[in-house]
Amino acid sequence: MSNPTIAQRLKLGAAAEAAQDIEKAAAFYVDVWRDAYGNGYASHGMQRIGKLLFARAIAVRDQNRLDEAIDLLVRSIELSPTSGEERAELNRLIGPEPGPNLTKQCLVYPNAARGTAIYTEAVQRAIEFVTYGGIRGDIYEFGVLAGWTAGLFVTAMRDTQFYGDLYLFDSFHGLPREKSAVDKQSYDVERGIWDAEMELPESILSQLGMSLPAHIHKMLSRIVGRDRIHIREGFFSESLKARLPTKAAIVHMDCDLYSSTAEVFQALERDDVLQDGTLIMFDDWNCNRGNPAFGQRRALREFLDRHKGRYDVSPFMTYGFNCAAFILHDNGVVPVELRMA
């Protein structure tokens, strides 16, 4: 069946549920939800399947298969995020962390408490925009550090019922050592704020007992399903050689430098990832005194210049002292007679 209607997909979900194929049923209900946020039939279907997954989690927990029980609880909560009983059981099974959870630590803002409040609100607003607005796609984050903003994203994804995936790109060894001519002349590189290259000290990493990407994946998969989290390790010059697989609902650029941001834009346009309504978030928009000759401001301007007449942006929000987000407009999908001059 090509392009089934919402009513047809709901019937297919109900049929799969009656046949006890709850994975297939959930997929149909979620698909409807992504197109029609708040659809009551889809919501009730997801809640029923969430309860079935919860029952399975308790059964495998009683067989001492705790990792499997945790995964089932996570999936149950994704489908019915207001369920208190499931959350309480998940927290009980996870228990106290034996070591540090870097995805809970704000390392990017001078005042951690203030940074947490600012970024949590900004990420929530971004997720609400694409979820309520029916902008289907995934979230791409370029520049992950220790996974703190990734943790904010998956939490908002779960609680707002945004069912896209999260793609994370980072070298996990800091910034590229060789800087472009533009970056070498920029204010912030010249004054040395990145002399440590944004690389986490070994004293922190040695406490994890695993690689940093594995740690991030483990911690985030306690919030959303592990199959929804994709990590590509390596500098962008290597990790972006492989195709970006899906349309972007949100692109979060936390890559500090002009050259890194420009590399990301080149990959986004090469793979036709952007769409009308994609939200582009810049974590370093006001670096270099906000001068458009440098940093992320320059990279965005060059991208728009390359696609003059097709792409444009509107401001969505600013947050903190350094960040801004824009809605991307694809004029190619708007009839000529309706386009703005």
Protein backbone atom coordinates (compact mmCIF):
# COMPACT_ATOMS: atom_id res chain seq x y z
CA MET A 1 0.00 0.00 0.00
CA SER A 2 1.56 3.31 -1.09
CA ASN A 3 1.09 6.39 1.06
CA PRO A 4 -1.67 4.99 3.27
CA THR A 5 -3.93 7.51 4.95
CA ILE A 6 -3.99 8.04 8.68
CA ALA A 7 -7.19 5.98 8.94
CA GLN A 8 -5.60 3.15 6.96
CA ARG A 9 -2.48 3.18 9.12
CA LEU A 10 -4.58 3.07 12.27
CA LYS A 11 -6.43 0.03 10.92
CA LEU A 12 -3.13 -1.64 10.09
CA GLY A 13 -1.92 -0.90 13.61
CA ALA A 14 -5.07 -2.36 15.14
CA ALA A 15 -4.77 -5.48 12.97
CA ALA A 16 -1.13 -5.98 14.00
CA GLU A 17 -2.07 -5.46 17.64
CA ALA A 18 -4.86 -8.05 17.36
CA ALA A 19 -2.33 -10.47 15.88
CA GLN A 20 -0.06 -9.75 18.89
CA ASP A 21 2.64 -8.28 16.65
CA ILE A 22 3.19 -5.37 18.98
CA GLU A 23 6.37 -4.14 17.28
CA LYS A 24 4.54 -3.71 13.99
CA ALA A 25 1.52 -2.19 15.72
CA ALA A 26 3.68 0.31 17.56
CA ALA A 27 5.38 1.29 14.32
CA PHE A 28 2.03 2.11 12.68
CA TYR A 29 0.77 4.09 15.69
CA VAL A 30 4.02 6.05 15.96
CA ASP A 31 3.94 6.77 12.24
CA VAL A 32 0.47 8.26 12.61
CA TRP A 33 1.57 10.26 15.65
CA ARG A 34 4.45 11.82 13.75
CA ASP A 35 2.07 13.10 11.09
CA ALA A 36 -0.83 13.96 13.40
CA TYR A 37 0.51 14.83 16.84
CA GLY A 38 -2.13 14.23 19.50
CA ASN A 39 -4.17 11.72 17.51
CA GLY A 40 -6.25 9.98 20.16
CA TYR A 41 -6.43 6.58 18.47
CA ALA A 42 -2.66 6.45 18.01
CA SER A 43 -2.13 7.64 21.58
CA HIS A 44 -4.35 4.96 23.06
CA GLY A 45 -2.69 2.33 20.91
CA MET A 46 0.77 3.37 22.06
CA GLN A 47 -0.37 3.37 25.68
CA ARG A 48 -1.72 -0.19 25.35
CA ILE A 49 1.52 -1.40 23.82
CA GLY A 50 3.48 0.43 26.50
CA LYS A 51 1.62 -1.57 29.15
CA LEU A 52 2.41 -4.83 27.32
CA LEU A 53 6.09 -3.91 27.20
CA PHE A 54 5.98 -3.07 30.90
CA ALA A 55 4.55 -6.51 31.66
CA ARG A 56 7.31 -8.11 29.60
CA ALA A 57 9.90 -6.05 31.45
CA ILE A 58 8.67 -7.31 34.80
CA ALA A 59 8.71 -10.89 33.54
CA VAL A 60 12.32 -10.74 32.34
CA ARG A 61 13.33 -8.80 35.45
CA ASP A 62 12.06 -11.70 37.55
CA GLN A 63 14.33 -13.97 35.48
CA ASN A 64 17.25 -11.69 36.43
CA ARG A 65 17.68 -10.46 32.85
CA LEU A 66 18.13 -6.89 34.02
CA ASP A 67 19.62 -5.32 30.89
CA GLU A 68 16.74 -6.65 28.80
CA ALA A 69 14.25 -5.41 31.38
CA ILE A 70 15.79 -1.93 31.27
CA ASP A 71 15.52 -1.82 27.47
CA LEU A 72 11.87 -2.87 27.61
CA LEU A 73 11.09 -0.25 30.25
CA VAL A 74 12.75 2.45 28.17
CA ARG A 75 10.63 1.49 25.16
CA SER A 76 7.50 1.37 27.30
CA ILE A 77 8.13 4.90 28.58
CA GLU A 78 8.85 6.18 25.06
CA LEU A 79 5.33 5.13 24.03
CA SER A 80 3.65 6.41 27.20
CA PRO A 81 5.96 8.97 28.83
CA THR A 82 3.58 10.00 31.62
CA SER A 83 3.52 6.51 33.12
CA GLY A 84 4.89 6.90 36.64
CA GLU A 85 5.04 3.21 37.53
CA GLU A 86 7.33 2.40 34.62
CA ARG A 87 9.66 5.30 35.40
CA ALA A 88 9.89 4.31 39.04
CA GLU A 89 10.81 0.73 38.10
CA LEU A 90 13.38 1.90 35.56
CA ASN A 91 15.05 4.15 38.14
CA ARG A 92 15.08 1.30 40.64
CA LEU A 93 16.73 -1.10 38.20
CA ILE A 94 19.35 1.39 37.09
CA GLY A 95 20.14 2.30 40.69
CA PRO A 96 22.96 4.59 41.81
CA GLU A 97 25.66 5.22 39.22
CA PRO A 98 28.87 3.34 40.10
CA GLY A 99 30.91 6.02 38.32
CA PRO A 100 30.47 9.42 36.68
CA ASN A 101 27.71 10.09 34.18
CA LEU A 102 29.26 12.72 31.93
CA THR A 103 26.01 13.22 30.03
CA LYS A 104 24.61 14.83 33.19
CA GLN A 105 27.47 17.29 33.62
CA CYS A 106 27.32 20.77 32.11
CA LEU A 107 30.88 21.43 30.95
CA VAL A 108 30.12 24.18 28.44
CA TYR A 109 28.80 27.09 30.49
CA PRO A 110 30.57 29.22 33.12
CA ASN A 111 27.70 28.70 35.59
CA ALA A 112 26.51 25.09 35.37
CA ALA A 113 23.13 25.68 37.02
CA ARG A 114 22.34 28.65 34.80
CA GLY A 115 23.61 26.80 31.71
CA THR A 116 21.41 23.83 32.51
CA ALA A 117 18.32 26.03 32.79
CA ILE A 118 19.08 27.92 29.57
CA TYR A 119 19.91 24.90 27.42
CA THR A 120 17.10 22.74 28.78
CA GLU A 121 14.55 25.38 27.81
CA ALA A 122 16.15 25.96 24.40
CA VAL A 123 16.25 22.26 23.54
CA GLN A 124 12.65 21.82 24.72
CA ARG A 125 11.47 24.69 22.52
CA ALA A 126 13.32 23.23 19.54
CA ILE A 127 11.78 19.79 20.05
CA GLU A 128 8.32 21.30 20.46
CA PHE A 129 8.69 23.26 17.22
CA VAL A 130 9.46 20.22 15.08
CA THR A 131 7.15 17.81 16.94
CA TYR A 132 4.04 19.97 17.05
CA GLY A 133 4.78 21.35 13.60
CA GLY A 134 4.92 17.89 11.99
CA ILE A 135 8.49 18.32 10.72
CA ARG A 136 9.47 14.69 10.28
CA GLY A 137 13.12 13.81 10.35
CA ASP A 138 15.97 13.12 12.73
CA ILE A 139 18.27 15.21 14.92
CA TYR A 140 21.88 15.71 13.92
CA GLU A 141 24.36 17.02 16.46
CA PHE A 142 27.81 18.05 15.28
CA GLY A 143 30.08 18.49 18.28
CA VAL A 144 29.14 16.30 21.23
CA LEU A 145 31.93 16.73 23.81
CA ALA A 146 30.77 14.47 26.69
CA GLY A 147 27.13 14.14 25.61
CA TRP A 148 25.47 16.73 27.85
CA THR A 149 23.37 18.46 25.17
CA ALA A 150 22.70 15.03 23.63
CA GLY A 151 21.23 14.05 26.98
CA LEU A 152 18.99 17.12 26.94
CA PHE A 153 17.84 16.21 23.44
CA VAL A 154 16.91 12.60 24.22
CA THR A 155 15.10 13.65 27.40
CA ALA A 156 13.00 16.17 25.45
CA MET A 157 12.51 13.63 22.65
CA ARG A 158 11.07 11.11 25.10
CA ASP A 159 8.92 13.49 27.12
CA THR A 160 7.52 15.35 24.09
CA GLN A 161 7.08 12.16 22.06
CA PHE A 162 9.35 13.11 19.20
CA TYR A 163 10.07 9.78 17.53
CA GLY A 164 13.01 10.63 15.28
CA ASP A 165 16.53 9.33 15.87
CA LEU A 166 19.60 11.14 17.18
CA TYR A 167 22.84 11.18 15.17
CA LEU A 168 25.98 12.31 17.01
CA PHE A 169 29.23 13.35 15.31
CA ASP A 170 32.45 14.11 17.18
CA SER A 171 36.14 13.27 17.10
CA PHE A 172 35.99 12.72 20.89
CA HIS A 173 39.52 14.08 20.83
CA GLY A 174 38.68 17.78 20.68
CA LEU A 175 39.06 20.24 17.81
CA PRO A 176 41.15 19.78 14.66
CA ARG A 177 44.73 20.79 15.43
CA GLU A 178 45.28 22.38 12.04
CA LYS A 179 43.19 25.55 11.73
CA SER A 180 42.00 27.17 8.52
CA ALA A 181 43.25 30.61 7.50
CA VAL A 182 39.92 32.13 8.57
CA ASP A 183 40.03 30.48 11.98
CA LYS A 184 43.67 31.41 12.57
CA GLN A 185 42.76 35.07 12.18
CA SER A 186 39.59 34.92 14.28
CA TYR A 187 39.43 36.70 17.61
CA ASP A 188 38.81 33.65 19.78
CA VAL A 189 41.52 31.46 18.26
CA GLU A 190 43.99 34.33 18.49
CA ARG A 191 43.23 34.94 22.17
CA GLY A 192 43.67 31.26 22.93
CA ILE A 193 40.32 30.21 24.36
CA TRP A 194 40.62 26.89 22.52
CA ASP A 195 44.25 26.23 23.35
CA ALA A 196 43.17 23.04 25.16
CA GLU A 197 41.39 22.05 21.89
CA MET A 198 38.19 21.10 23.80
CA GLU A 199 39.69 17.70 24.63
CA LEU A 200 38.58 16.12 27.90
CA PRO A 201 41.42 15.33 30.34
CA GLU A 202 42.46 11.73 30.83
CA SER A 203 41.75 12.09 34.56
CA ILE A 204 38.03 12.22 33.68
CA LEU A 205 38.01 9.65 30.88
CA SER A 206 39.90 7.05 32.91
CA GLN A 207 37.01 6.86 35.38
CA LEU A 208 34.53 5.63 32.76
CA GLY A 209 35.75 2.07 32.33
CA MET A 210 34.91 2.27 28.60
CA SER A 211 35.41 4.59 25.66
CA LEU A 212 33.68 7.97 25.75
CA PRO A 213 31.34 7.13 22.80
CA ALA A 214 30.36 3.84 24.51
CA HIS A 215 29.69 5.72 27.75
CA ILE A 216 27.50 8.26 25.96
CA HIS A 217 25.55 5.57 24.14
CA LYS A 218 25.00 3.59 27.35
CA MET A 219 23.71 6.59 29.30
CA LEU A 220 21.46 7.92 26.53
CA SER A 221 19.97 4.46 25.91
CA ARG A 222 18.48 4.62 29.40
CA ILE A 223 16.30 7.46 28.13
CA VAL A 224 15.40 6.42 24.56
CA GLY A 225 15.87 3.11 22.77
CA ARG A 226 19.46 2.24 21.97
CA ASP A 227 18.57 1.73 18.30
CA ARG A 228 17.63 5.43 18.06
CA ILE A 229 21.13 6.64 18.99
CA HIS A 230 23.81 6.65 16.29
CA ILE A 231 27.37 7.79 16.97
CA ARG A 232 30.02 8.51 14.35
CA GLU A 233 33.47 8.96 15.82
CA GLY A 234 36.17 10.93 14.02
CA PHE A 235 37.00 14.41 12.80
CA PHE A 236 34.40 15.67 10.34
CA SER A 237 36.86 15.30 7.45
CA GLU A 238 36.52 11.53 7.99
CA SER A 239 33.12 10.95 9.63
CA LEU A 240 31.23 12.99 7.05
CA LYS A 241 32.55 10.99 4.11
CA ALA A 242 29.73 8.49 4.64
CA ARG A 243 26.29 9.61 3.57
CA LEU A 244 23.93 11.29 6.04
CA PRO A 245 20.99 8.90 5.80
CA THR A 246 17.82 10.86 6.62
CA LYS A 247 16.16 14.25 6.49
CA ALA A 248 16.95 16.60 9.37
CA ALA A 249 14.32 17.98 11.69
CA ILE A 250 17.00 19.66 13.84
CA VAL A 251 20.67 20.32 13.17
CA HIS A 252 22.65 21.29 16.26
CA MET A 253 26.06 22.76 15.40
CA ASP A 254 28.43 22.91 18.34
CA CYS A 255 31.64 22.69 16.37
CA ASP A 256 33.17 26.03 17.42
CA LEU A 257 35.20 26.76 14.28
CA TYR A 258 34.31 28.25 10.90
CA SER A 259 36.01 25.40 9.04
CA SER A 260 34.18 22.66 10.94
CA THR A 261 30.81 24.37 10.48
CA ALA A 262 31.52 24.80 6.77
CA GLU A 263 32.33 21.09 6.48
CA VAL A 264 28.98 20.25 8.06
CA PHE A 265 27.08 22.49 5.67
CA GLN A 266 28.84 20.87 2.71
CA ALA A 267 27.74 17.41 3.88
CA LEU A 268 24.18 18.57 4.56
CA GLU A 269 23.80 19.97 1.06
CA ARG A 270 25.65 17.07 -0.60
CA ASP A 271 23.22 14.54 0.88
CA ASP A 272 20.09 16.72 0.54
CA VAL A 273 19.39 16.41 4.26
CA LEU A 274 17.83 19.82 4.82
CA GLN A 275 14.11 20.43 4.32
CA ASP A 276 11.61 23.23 4.63
CA GLY A 277 11.31 23.84 8.38
CA THR A 278 14.59 22.28 9.50
CA LEU A 279 15.68 24.04 12.67
CA ILE A 280 19.40 24.91 12.69
CA MET A 281 20.86 25.62 16.12
CA PHE A 282 24.26 27.31 16.44
CA ASP A 283 26.00 26.96 19.78
CA ASP A 284 28.82 29.34 18.82
CA TRP A 285 26.89 32.03 16.93
CA ASN A 286 28.32 34.91 18.94
CA CYS A 287 31.92 33.71 19.07
CA ASN A 288 34.52 36.11 17.69
CA ARG A 289 32.57 39.14 18.94
CA GLY A 290 29.72 38.14 16.64
CA ASN A 291 31.69 39.37 13.62
CA PRO A 292 30.23 37.87 10.40
CA ALA A 293 33.72 37.50 8.91
CA PHE A 294 34.38 34.56 11.25
CA GLY A 295 32.95 31.41 12.72
CA GLN A 296 29.45 30.09 12.30
CA ARG A 297 28.05 33.37 11.03
CA ARG A 298 30.42 33.25 8.05
CA ALA A 299 29.66 29.57 7.38
CA LEU A 300 25.90 30.18 7.29
CA ARG A 301 26.24 33.22 5.04
CA GLU A 302 28.40 31.28 2.58
CA PHE A 303 25.90 28.41 2.54
CA LEU A 304 23.00 30.76 1.80
CA ASP A 305 25.04 32.54 -0.89
CA ARG A 306 25.68 29.21 -2.62
CA HIS A 307 21.93 28.56 -2.70
CA LYS A 308 20.63 32.07 -3.26
CA GLY A 309 17.00 31.95 -4.28
CA ARG A 310 16.41 28.48 -2.86
CA TYR A 311 17.24 28.63 0.86
CA ASP A 312 16.57 31.38 3.36
CA VAL A 313 16.33 31.50 7.15
CA SER A 314 14.17 33.19 9.77
CA PRO A 315 15.31 33.78 13.37
CA PHE A 316 13.69 31.36 15.82
CA MET A 317 15.39 32.18 19.13
CA THR A 318 18.55 33.24 20.87
CA TYR A 319 19.62 31.62 24.13
CA GLY A 320 22.44 32.17 26.55
CA PHE A 321 25.18 34.59 25.60
CA ASN A 322 26.37 32.72 22.55
CA CYS A 323 23.62 30.74 20.83
CA ALA A 324 21.00 31.28 18.13
CA ALA A 325 18.57 29.10 16.17
CA PHE A 326 17.03 29.65 12.74
CA ILE A 327 14.22 28.07 10.75
CA LEU A 328 15.35 27.05 7.26
CA HIS A 329 13.01 27.81 4.35
CA ASP A 330 13.21 25.87 1.10
CA ASN A 331 11.72 28.12 -1.56
CA GLY A 332 11.96 25.24 -4.03
CA VAL A 333 8.90 23.60 -2.46
CA VAL A 334 6.79 26.77 -2.56
CA PRO A 335 4.82 27.57 -5.74
CA VAL A 336 6.38 30.45 -7.64
CA GLU A 337 3.29 32.63 -7.28
CA LEU A 338 3.42 32.30 -3.48
CA ARG A 339 7.11 33.02 -2.92
CA MET A 340 8.11 36.14 -1.08
CA ALA A 341 10.09 38.71 -3.04
